[in-house]
């Protein structure tokens, strides 16, 4: 599932206007996050930005913090000798 689909699904369970108001953002920006951004117009959605930040820093504390805020925790997949795409 793509990041914009995750956001769109989350917004379907909430009142988008209330989300925008609570975050201090425009309604159109919040809706835009739920659209496919293949055209690379405008800014990336928050999920893509966090992913890019993690890839740039390689610091798992970013993900751990986010998981903690969602009352969870981050556990990395164990290393494996399997090649990608092999069952």
Protein backbone atom coordinates (compact mmCIF):
# COMPACT_ATOMS: atom_id res chain seq x y z
CA UNK A 1 0.00 0.00 0.00
CA UNK A 2 1.31 3.45 -0.90
CA UNK A 3 1.61 6.25 1.66
CA UNK A 4 -1.16 8.34 0.08
CA UNK A 5 -3.50 5.34 0.33
CA UNK A 6 -2.68 4.93 4.03
CA UNK A 7 -3.45 8.61 4.60
CA UNK A 8 -6.65 8.45 2.54
CA UNK A 9 -7.84 5.44 4.58
CA UNK A 10 -7.07 7.22 7.84
CA UNK A 11 -8.90 10.36 6.70
CA UNK A 12 -11.94 8.26 5.75
CA UNK A 13 -12.28 7.40 9.45
CA UNK A 14 -12.06 11.03 10.63
CA UNK A 15 -13.59 14.43 9.95
CA UNK A 16 -11.03 15.98 7.59
CA UNK A 17 -11.96 19.54 8.54
CA UNK A 18 -11.33 18.76 12.22
CA UNK A 19 -7.98 17.12 11.35
CA UNK A 20 -6.93 20.20 9.37
CA UNK A 21 -8.06 22.55 12.15
CA UNK A 22 -6.25 20.58 14.88
CA UNK A 23 -3.06 20.54 12.81
CA UNK A 24 -3.35 24.19 11.80
CA UNK A 25 -3.33 23.29 8.11
CA UNK A 26 -5.52 24.05 5.14
CA UNK A 27 -8.19 21.56 4.24
CA UNK A 28 -6.83 21.35 0.68
CA UNK A 29 -3.35 20.37 1.91
CA UNK A 30 -4.74 17.56 4.06
CA UNK A 31 -6.79 16.29 1.12
CA UNK A 32 -3.72 16.55 -1.14
CA UNK A 33 -1.81 14.19 1.16
CA UNK A 34 -4.34 11.50 0.24
CA UNK A 35 -3.65 11.87 -3.48
CA UNK A 36 -1.02 10.07 -5.53
CA UNK A 37 1.93 12.45 -5.87
CA UNK A 38 3.63 10.83 -8.88
CA UNK A 39 3.62 14.23 -10.59
CA UNK A 40 5.94 15.50 -7.83
CA UNK A 41 3.93 18.70 -7.57
CA UNK A 42 3.81 20.39 -4.20
CA UNK A 43 5.25 18.95 -1.01
CA UNK A 44 5.51 15.29 -0.07
CA UNK A 45 3.02 13.94 2.43
CA UNK A 46 4.13 13.47 6.05
CA UNK A 47 4.57 9.70 5.74
CA UNK A 48 6.91 10.06 2.76
CA UNK A 49 8.84 12.79 4.57
CA UNK A 50 9.38 10.62 7.66
CA UNK A 51 10.43 7.72 5.42
CA UNK A 52 12.92 9.98 3.60
CA UNK A 53 14.24 11.35 6.90
CA UNK A 54 14.77 7.82 8.21
CA UNK A 55 16.51 6.73 5.01
CA UNK A 56 18.76 9.80 5.12
CA UNK A 57 19.75 9.47 8.78
CA UNK A 58 19.50 5.68 9.23
CA UNK A 59 18.39 6.50 12.79
CA UNK A 60 15.79 4.00 14.02
CA UNK A 61 14.98 6.27 16.98
CA UNK A 62 12.75 8.26 14.61
CA UNK A 63 10.58 5.22 13.97
CA UNK A 64 10.74 4.11 17.61
CA UNK A 65 9.48 7.54 18.74
CA UNK A 66 6.59 7.42 16.29
CA UNK A 67 5.65 3.89 17.35
CA UNK A 68 5.83 4.94 21.00
CA UNK A 69 3.43 7.83 20.31
CA UNK A 70 1.01 5.25 18.88
CA UNK A 71 1.35 3.13 22.06
CA UNK A 72 3.49 0.56 20.30
CA UNK A 73 7.13 -0.26 19.70
CA UNK A 74 9.44 -0.86 16.77
CA UNK A 75 11.04 -4.26 16.20
CA UNK A 76 13.35 -4.76 13.23
CA UNK A 77 13.03 -7.88 11.14
CA UNK A 78 15.76 -10.38 12.00
CA UNK A 79 18.59 -10.80 9.49
CA UNK A 80 18.11 -13.60 7.00
CA UNK A 81 20.22 -15.44 4.46
CA UNK A 82 17.34 -15.57 2.00
CA UNK A 83 17.61 -13.63 -1.20
CA UNK A 84 14.84 -11.10 -1.85
CA UNK A 85 11.90 -12.56 -3.72
CA UNK A 86 12.67 -16.16 -2.73
CA UNK A 87 10.27 -18.23 -0.66
